[in-house]
Amino acid sequence: MTANPVLVTGATGFVGSHLVERLMARGIPVRCLVRKTSSLRYVRSEAVELFYGDLATGEGLAAAVLGVETVFHVAGVTKAHTEAAYYDGNLRGTESLLRACERSDSPPRRFIHVSSLAAVGPSPNGAPLDEDAARFPLTWYGCSKLAAENAVRASALASTAVILRPPVVYGPRDTDVFEVFRAVAKGLMVLIGREESWFSYIHVEDLAEALVAAAGLNRTGDTPGPPPELPDSQRNAGVSPGFSGTPTYFVANPEPVSWTQFAETAASVMGRRVRFLHAPAGAAYAAGWLAEMAAKLRGKPGILSRQKVIEATCRFWTCNPSRARSELGWSAGRTLREGVANSLAWYKDAGWLTF
């Protein structure tokens, strides 16, 4: 077992907490970057090192990265009131962490950056995108995630970094796709527009395994290996002009699914029937504006906004994960029904849903 820990940012959140569990199960020493205000309900604080710091200001980062084997940069902002808030959470935080790693007396051997399909944008014709596709992010979130990717590629860590782009992530502890499950439990699902929309997806535990694979940690042992040797073709995949190459991968289940299929799968697992209400895009946009106003009054951004409606009006958010399978040896382990059943069982046990 390596004596050097790995660092996880966003460790108390949805994806980060699952990653911490996977790493601990392999006997890997884990260091978690947390804020003083972070809830530790999903992190066994007695089993990990807690380092208090702030990605926005850079406070505490130098100590957090010192001596770590690998950095998993999972933290990010998925909902915000303003464009500036997305860039502060996704770009500025990434830049602060990269600077701390670059200036460290013992820089990490691997930097794993969690991006998003949103950094590339939707497929224009329904064909799942590969990593070499032109990037046309549509929203503040997508643009800020692409900017963060480019910060990684422009950094001194570019040659030892790996970027993963998950699509829709669901599973235990999630609060976003959970709203779909809650709608299905009530028997009514609202869809925007009349045409079917398709998307790629990944269960959070499969994403955690993809992160482990990207770091070169073997699946059966507990010791981080050297950075994986990657083919020259990947070294320049998805790289902006003038930037050095950084391996970039879509990680998802192999076959996209429609929102109707996703909802009907959940309904089947629950033993329920679900009806579908089709809302015009204009009405959804107006609802997004009203939701933003309510969220500002509450002081907390919600899942519904005009930015989210822009994404929802695109028919194809699909990507091709075959490169991750061939070069990282990773593939999604759960079918749609298995992943949905696992998620619903957790929500039921946690008291979030009754069915």
Protein backbone atom coordinates (compact mmCIF):
# COMPACT_ATOMS: atom_id res chain seq x y z
CA MET A 1 0.00 0.00 0.00
CA THR A 2 1.29 3.44 -0.84
CA ALA A 3 2.17 5.66 2.09
CA ASN A 4 1.14 8.73 0.13
CA PRO A 5 -2.51 9.77 0.27
CA VAL A 6 -4.72 10.94 -2.56
CA LEU A 7 -6.62 14.22 -2.35
CA VAL A 8 -10.30 14.53 -3.23
CA THR A 9 -11.95 17.90 -3.69
CA GLY A 10 -15.73 17.96 -3.42
CA ALA A 11 -15.40 14.97 -1.12
CA THR A 12 -18.56 15.77 0.84
CA GLY A 13 -20.71 16.06 -2.28
CA PHE A 14 -22.63 13.59 -4.41
CA VAL A 15 -19.85 12.25 -6.67
CA GLY A 16 -16.96 12.97 -4.32
CA SER A 17 -18.40 11.01 -1.40
CA HIS A 18 -18.86 7.91 -3.57
CA LEU A 19 -15.29 8.24 -4.84
CA VAL A 20 -13.98 8.47 -1.27
CA GLU A 21 -15.79 5.23 -0.44
CA ARG A 22 -14.27 3.47 -3.46
CA LEU A 23 -10.77 4.60 -2.60
CA MET A 24 -11.12 3.59 1.05
CA ALA A 25 -12.40 0.17 0.00
CA ARG A 26 -9.05 -0.32 -1.78
CA GLY A 27 -7.08 0.67 1.30
CA ILE A 28 -5.90 3.94 -0.28
CA PRO A 29 -5.19 6.72 2.24
CA VAL A 30 -7.63 9.53 1.45
CA ARG A 31 -7.28 13.23 2.18
CA CYS A 32 -10.43 15.33 1.77
CA LEU A 33 -10.45 19.05 1.05
CA VAL A 34 -13.44 20.49 2.92
CA ARG A 35 -14.71 23.85 4.05
CA LYS A 36 -15.49 24.74 7.64
CA THR A 37 -19.17 24.78 6.66
CA SER A 38 -19.12 21.42 4.83
CA SER A 39 -21.52 18.73 5.99
CA LEU A 40 -19.67 15.49 6.73
CA ARG A 41 -22.74 13.26 6.75
CA TYR A 42 -21.49 11.16 3.82
CA VAL A 43 -17.82 11.10 4.85
CA ARG A 44 -16.46 8.98 7.68
CA SER A 45 -14.25 11.69 9.09
CA GLU A 46 -12.45 9.29 11.42
CA ALA A 47 -11.24 7.25 8.43
CA VAL A 48 -9.87 10.09 6.28
CA GLU A 49 -7.63 13.12 6.66
CA LEU A 50 -9.63 16.35 6.66
CA PHE A 51 -7.86 19.40 5.29
CA TYR A 52 -9.74 22.66 5.55
CA GLY A 53 -9.35 24.98 2.59
CA ASP A 54 -11.10 27.13 0.03
CA LEU A 55 -10.75 26.68 -3.72
CA ALA A 56 -12.06 30.19 -4.37
CA THR A 57 -9.41 31.96 -2.30
CA GLY A 58 -6.66 29.33 -2.38
CA GLU A 59 -6.55 29.23 1.41
CA GLY A 60 -5.20 25.91 2.74
CA LEU A 61 -4.49 24.41 -0.68
CA ALA A 62 -0.70 24.33 -0.35
CA ALA A 63 -0.96 22.13 2.73
CA ALA A 64 -3.69 19.97 1.23
CA VAL A 65 -1.71 19.02 -1.91
CA LEU A 66 1.65 18.51 -0.18
CA GLY A 67 2.82 14.93 -0.54
CA VAL A 68 -0.28 13.55 -2.26
CA GLU A 69 0.02 10.87 -4.93
CA THR A 70 -3.03 11.88 -6.97
CA VAL A 71 -5.46 14.79 -6.96
CA PHE A 72 -9.08 14.07 -7.86
CA HIS A 73 -10.67 17.42 -8.64
CA VAL A 74 -14.37 16.66 -8.30
CA ALA A 75 -15.60 19.92 -6.78
CA GLY A 76 -17.58 22.26 -9.00
CA VAL A 77 -20.69 24.39 -9.32
CA THR A 78 -23.68 22.90 -11.17
CA LYS A 79 -26.29 25.49 -10.15
CA ALA A 80 -25.78 29.23 -9.66
CA HIS A 81 -27.63 32.52 -9.98
CA THR A 82 -25.06 34.25 -12.22
CA GLU A 83 -22.51 33.56 -14.93
CA ALA A 84 -19.78 34.88 -12.65
CA ALA A 85 -20.69 32.34 -9.97
CA TYR A 86 -20.24 29.47 -12.44
CA TYR A 87 -16.82 30.76 -13.46
CA ASP A 88 -15.80 31.35 -9.85
CA GLY A 89 -16.76 27.80 -8.87
CA ASN A 90 -15.54 25.94 -11.94
CA LEU A 91 -12.70 27.93 -13.51
CA ARG A 92 -11.24 30.00 -10.65
CA GLY A 93 -11.34 27.07 -8.24
CA THR A 94 -9.56 24.84 -10.76
CA GLU A 95 -6.92 27.49 -11.40
CA SER A 96 -6.28 27.88 -7.65
CA LEU A 97 -5.83 24.13 -7.23
CA LEU A 98 -3.53 23.87 -10.24
CA ARG A 99 -1.35 26.70 -8.93
CA ALA A 100 -1.05 24.98 -5.57
CA CYS A 101 0.00 21.74 -7.26
CA GLU A 102 2.48 23.48 -9.57
CA ARG A 103 4.13 25.29 -6.66
CA SER A 104 4.29 22.26 -4.39
CA ASP A 105 7.67 20.81 -3.43
CA SER A 106 6.22 17.41 -4.35
CA PRO A 107 3.65 17.86 -7.14
CA PRO A 108 1.09 15.06 -7.57
CA ARG A 109 1.89 12.36 -10.10
CA ARG A 110 -1.63 12.44 -11.49
CA PHE A 111 -4.32 15.13 -11.68
CA ILE A 112 -7.81 13.80 -12.45
CA HIS A 113 -10.24 16.51 -13.50
CA VAL A 114 -14.00 15.97 -13.60
CA SER A 115 -15.54 17.97 -16.43
CA SER A 116 -18.87 17.40 -18.19
CA LEU A 117 -20.48 16.64 -21.53
CA ALA A 118 -21.87 20.17 -21.16
CA ALA A 119 -18.37 21.46 -21.93
CA VAL A 120 -18.80 20.12 -25.46
CA GLY A 121 -22.53 20.67 -25.97
CA PRO A 122 -25.25 18.50 -27.47
CA SER A 123 -24.96 16.33 -30.55
CA PRO A 124 -26.27 18.23 -33.58
CA ASN A 125 -27.65 15.16 -35.33
CA GLY A 126 -28.18 12.47 -32.69
CA ALA A 127 -24.90 10.62 -33.30
CA PRO A 128 -23.09 10.18 -29.96
CA LEU A 129 -20.17 12.60 -29.76
CA ASP A 130 -16.61 11.39 -29.39
CA GLU A 131 -13.79 13.24 -27.67
CA ASP A 132 -12.59 14.89 -30.89
CA ALA A 133 -15.90 16.62 -31.57
CA ALA A 134 -15.98 20.39 -31.89
CA ARG A 135 -16.96 22.04 -28.65
CA PHE A 136 -19.96 24.35 -28.55
CA PRO A 137 -21.16 24.66 -24.96
CA LEU A 138 -24.58 26.29 -24.69
CA THR A 139 -24.81 27.54 -21.13
CA TRP A 140 -22.81 29.32 -18.45
CA TYR A 141 -22.22 25.96 -16.81
CA GLY A 142 -20.89 24.35 -19.99
CA CYS A 143 -18.71 27.33 -20.87
CA SER A 144 -17.20 27.45 -17.38
CA LYS A 145 -16.47 23.71 -17.46
CA LEU A 146 -14.76 24.05 -20.85
CA ALA A 147 -12.71 26.96 -19.52
CA ALA A 148 -11.65 24.78 -16.58
CA GLU A 149 -10.63 21.99 -18.98
CA ASN A 150 -8.48 24.46 -20.90
CA ALA A 151 -6.88 25.64 -17.67
CA VAL A 152 -5.80 22.05 -17.00
CA ARG A 153 -4.44 21.71 -20.54
CA ALA A 154 -2.49 24.98 -20.24
CA SER A 155 -0.98 24.08 -16.86
CA ALA A 156 2.32 22.46 -15.97
CA LEU A 157 0.31 19.36 -15.02
CA ALA A 158 -1.15 18.91 -18.52
CA SER A 159 0.99 15.89 -19.42
CA THR A 160 0.10 14.01 -16.22
CA ALA A 161 -3.58 15.00 -16.08
CA VAL A 162 -6.66 13.14 -17.26
CA ILE A 163 -10.02 14.79 -17.97
CA LEU A 164 -13.26 12.84 -17.63
CA ARG A 165 -16.51 14.13 -19.12
CA PRO A 166 -19.54 12.42 -17.60
CA PRO A 167 -23.04 13.16 -18.95
CA VAL A 168 -26.13 12.90 -16.69
CA VAL A 169 -25.00 11.39 -13.38
CA TYR A 170 -27.56 9.73 -11.11
CA GLY A 171 -27.59 7.49 -8.07
CA PRO A 172 -27.84 7.52 -4.27
CA ARG A 173 -27.50 10.99 -2.66
CA ASP A 174 -28.20 12.88 -5.90
CA THR A 175 -30.75 15.68 -5.61
CA ASP A 176 -31.16 16.58 -9.31
CA VAL A 177 -32.26 13.42 -11.16
CA PHE A 178 -34.04 12.65 -7.89
CA GLU A 179 -36.64 15.20 -9.01
CA VAL A 180 -37.43 12.93 -11.96
CA PHE A 181 -37.90 9.98 -9.63
CA ARG A 182 -40.11 12.08 -7.37
CA ALA A 183 -42.26 13.11 -10.33
CA VAL A 184 -42.60 9.48 -11.41
CA ALA A 185 -43.58 8.48 -7.87
CA LYS A 186 -46.38 11.03 -8.11
CA GLY A 187 -47.42 9.61 -11.48
CA LEU A 188 -46.79 12.68 -13.67
CA MET A 189 -43.66 13.57 -15.66
CA VAL A 190 -43.34 16.90 -17.50
CA LEU A 191 -41.40 16.86 -20.77
CA ILE A 192 -40.43 19.96 -22.75
CA GLY A 193 -41.65 19.89 -26.34
CA ARG A 194 -43.29 17.13 -28.34
CA GLU A 195 -40.18 15.45 -29.74
CA GLU A 196 -38.39 12.75 -27.79
CA SER A 197 -35.11 13.76 -26.14
CA TRP A 198 -32.17 11.38 -25.72
CA PHE A 199 -29.26 11.51 -23.32
CA SER A 200 -26.26 9.55 -22.15
CA TYR A 201 -26.06 8.69 -18.47
CA ILE A 202 -23.87 7.09 -15.83
CA HIS A 203 -24.53 5.74 -12.35
CA VAL A 204 -22.44 7.51 -9.73
CA GLU A 205 -20.72 4.32 -8.60
CA ASP A 206 -19.66 3.59 -12.18
CA LEU A 207 -18.30 7.14 -12.40
CA ALA A 208 -16.31 6.54 -9.22
CA GLU A 209 -14.81 3.43 -10.84
CA ALA A 210 -13.94 5.46 -13.95
CA LEU A 211 -12.08 7.97 -11.79
CA VAL A 212 -10.15 5.15 -10.14
CA ALA A 213 -9.25 3.73 -13.56
CA ALA A 214 -8.15 7.15 -14.86
CA ALA A 215 -5.76 7.43 -11.91
CA GLY A 216 -4.06 4.15 -12.78
CA LEU A 217 -5.24 2.43 -9.61
CA ASN A 218 -5.71 -1.25 -10.30
CA ARG A 219 -9.10 -2.79 -9.52
CA THR A 220 -7.94 -5.63 -7.31
CA GLY A 221 -4.94 -4.20 -5.51
CA ASP A 222 -4.53 -1.15 -3.36
CA THR A 223 -1.48 0.54 -4.80
CA PRO A 224 -1.54 3.44 -7.26
CA GLY A 225 0.46 2.46 -10.30
CA PRO A 226 2.36 4.79 -12.60
CA PRO A 227 0.37 7.04 -14.93
CA PRO A 228 -1.08 4.87 -17.70
CA GLU A 229 0.76 4.90 -21.00
CA LEU A 230 -1.63 6.39 -23.53
CA PRO A 231 -1.42 6.38 -27.32
CA ASP A 232 -0.15 9.43 -29.17
CA SER A 233 -3.56 9.91 -30.82
CA GLN A 234 -5.12 10.60 -27.43
CA ARG A 235 -2.43 13.07 -26.43
CA ASN A 236 -3.99 15.68 -28.70
CA ALA A 237 -7.65 14.73 -28.35
CA GLY A 238 -9.97 17.62 -27.75
CA VAL A 239 -7.12 20.10 -27.25
CA SER A 240 -7.44 23.79 -28.05
CA PRO A 241 -4.77 25.22 -30.38
CA GLY A 242 -1.54 25.99 -28.56
CA PHE A 243 -2.26 23.74 -25.57
CA SER A 244 -0.34 20.59 -24.75
CA GLY A 245 -2.25 17.34 -24.93
CA THR A 246 -4.22 15.95 -22.02
CA PRO A 247 -6.09 12.63 -22.29
CA THR A 248 -9.84 13.26 -22.31
CA TYR A 249 -12.63 10.69 -22.01
CA PHE A 250 -16.38 10.48 -22.10
CA VAL A 251 -17.59 8.04 -19.44
CA ALA A 252 -21.15 6.76 -19.81
CA ASN A 253 -23.30 3.71 -20.41
CA PRO A 254 -22.88 2.58 -24.02
CA GLU A 255 -26.45 3.22 -25.18
CA PRO A 256 -28.29 6.54 -24.72
CA VAL A 257 -31.82 6.53 -23.35
CA SER A 258 -34.84 8.79 -23.78
CA TRP A 259 -36.41 10.62 -20.86
CA THR A 260 -39.58 8.63 -21.52
CA GLN A 261 -37.67 5.35 -21.25
CA PHE A 262 -35.87 6.54 -18.13
CA ALA A 263 -39.13 7.52 -16.43
CA GLU A 264 -40.90 4.33 -17.49
CA THR A 265 -38.02 2.25 -16.13
CA ALA A 266 -38.36 4.02 -12.79
CA ALA A 267 -42.13 3.54 -12.85
CA SER A 268 -41.69 -0.17 -13.53
CA VAL A 269 -39.29 -0.57 -10.61
CA MET A 270 -41.72 1.29 -8.34
CA GLY A 271 -44.71 -0.67 -9.60
CA ARG A 272 -46.34 2.57 -10.71
CA ARG A 273 -47.76 4.06 -13.88
CA VAL A 274 -46.59 7.43 -15.13
CA ARG A 275 -48.33 9.92 -17.41
CA PHE A 276 -46.46 12.47 -19.51
CA LEU A 277 -47.33 16.14 -19.88
CA HIS A 278 -45.69 17.98 -22.78
CA ALA A 279 -44.93 21.63 -22.02
CA PRO A 280 -44.11 24.12 -24.81
CA ALA A 281 -40.55 25.45 -24.74
CA GLY A 282 -41.79 29.01 -24.26
CA ALA A 283 -43.82 28.05 -21.22
CA ALA A 284 -40.87 26.13 -19.78
CA TYR A 285 -38.62 29.16 -20.27
CA ALA A 286 -41.11 31.37 -18.46
CA ALA A 287 -41.31 28.80 -15.65
CA GLY A 288 -37.52 28.85 -15.49
CA TRP A 289 -37.54 32.63 -15.03
CA LEU A 290 -40.11 32.38 -12.23
CA ALA A 291 -38.06 29.63 -10.58
CA GLU A 292 -34.97 31.85 -10.73
CA MET A 293 -36.82 34.70 -9.01
CA ALA A 294 -38.01 32.35 -6.26
CA ALA A 295 -34.51 30.91 -5.88
CA LYS A 296 -33.00 34.37 -5.45
CA LEU A 297 -35.51 35.13 -2.70
CA ARG A 298 -34.50 31.88 -0.98
CA GLY A 299 -30.82 32.64 -1.51
CA LYS A 300 -30.17 29.23 -3.04
CA PRO A 301 -30.23 28.28 -6.75
CA GLY A 302 -32.59 25.48 -7.74
CA ILE A 303 -32.65 22.82 -10.44
CA LEU A 304 -35.04 24.79 -12.69
CA SER A 305 -33.72 27.90 -14.47
CA ARG A 306 -33.65 29.39 -17.94
CA GLN A 307 -30.15 27.98 -18.37
CA LYS A 308 -31.41 24.47 -17.60
CA VAL A 309 -34.35 24.93 -19.98
CA ILE A 310 -31.91 25.83 -22.76
CA GLU A 311 -30.19 22.48 -22.18
CA ALA A 312 -33.50 20.63 -21.94
CA THR A 313 -34.72 21.90 -25.32
CA CYS A 314 -31.82 20.11 -27.06
CA ARG A 315 -32.82 16.66 -28.28
CA PHE A 316 -29.49 14.84 -28.13
CA TRP A 317 -27.10 14.99 -25.19
CA THR A 318 -25.25 11.86 -26.21
CA CYS A 319 -21.63 10.72 -26.13
CA ASN A 320 -19.56 7.68 -27.08
CA PRO A 321 -17.61 6.04 -24.21
CA SER A 322 -15.68 3.54 -26.36
CA ARG A 323 -12.34 5.33 -25.92
CA ALA A 324 -12.51 4.94 -22.15
CA ARG A 325 -13.19 1.25 -22.62
CA SER A 326 -10.29 0.67 -25.00
CA GLU A 327 -7.68 2.89 -23.32
CA LEU A 328 -8.62 2.87 -19.62
CA GLY A 329 -10.13 -0.61 -19.50
CA TRP A 330 -13.28 0.88 -17.99
CA SER A 331 -16.92 0.27 -18.88
CA ALA A 332 -20.15 0.97 -17.03
CA GLY A 333 -21.06 -1.95 -14.79
CA ARG A 334 -24.79 -1.25 -14.31
CA THR A 335 -27.60 -1.47 -16.78
CA LEU A 336 -30.24 1.25 -16.69
CA ARG A 337 -32.67 -0.88 -14.73
CA GLU A 338 -30.02 -2.00 -12.25
CA GLY A 339 -28.88 1.56 -11.65
CA VAL A 340 -32.41 2.91 -11.29
CA ALA A 341 -33.36 0.10 -8.90
CA ASN A 342 -30.24 0.77 -6.81
CA SER A 343 -31.03 4.49 -6.67
CA LEU A 344 -34.69 4.03 -5.79
CA ALA A 345 -33.85 1.55 -3.03
CA TRP A 346 -31.53 4.12 -1.46
CA TYR A 347 -34.09 6.93 -1.72
CA LYS A 348 -36.72 4.71 -0.14
CA ASP A 349 -34.45 3.61 2.72
CA ALA A 350 -33.39 7.22 3.31
CA GLY A 351 -37.01 8.33 3.48
CA TRP A 352 -36.75 10.57 0.43
CA LEU A 353 -39.39 8.60 -1.49
CA THR A 354 -42.29 6.32 -0.61
CA PHE A 355 -43.68 3.81 -3.08
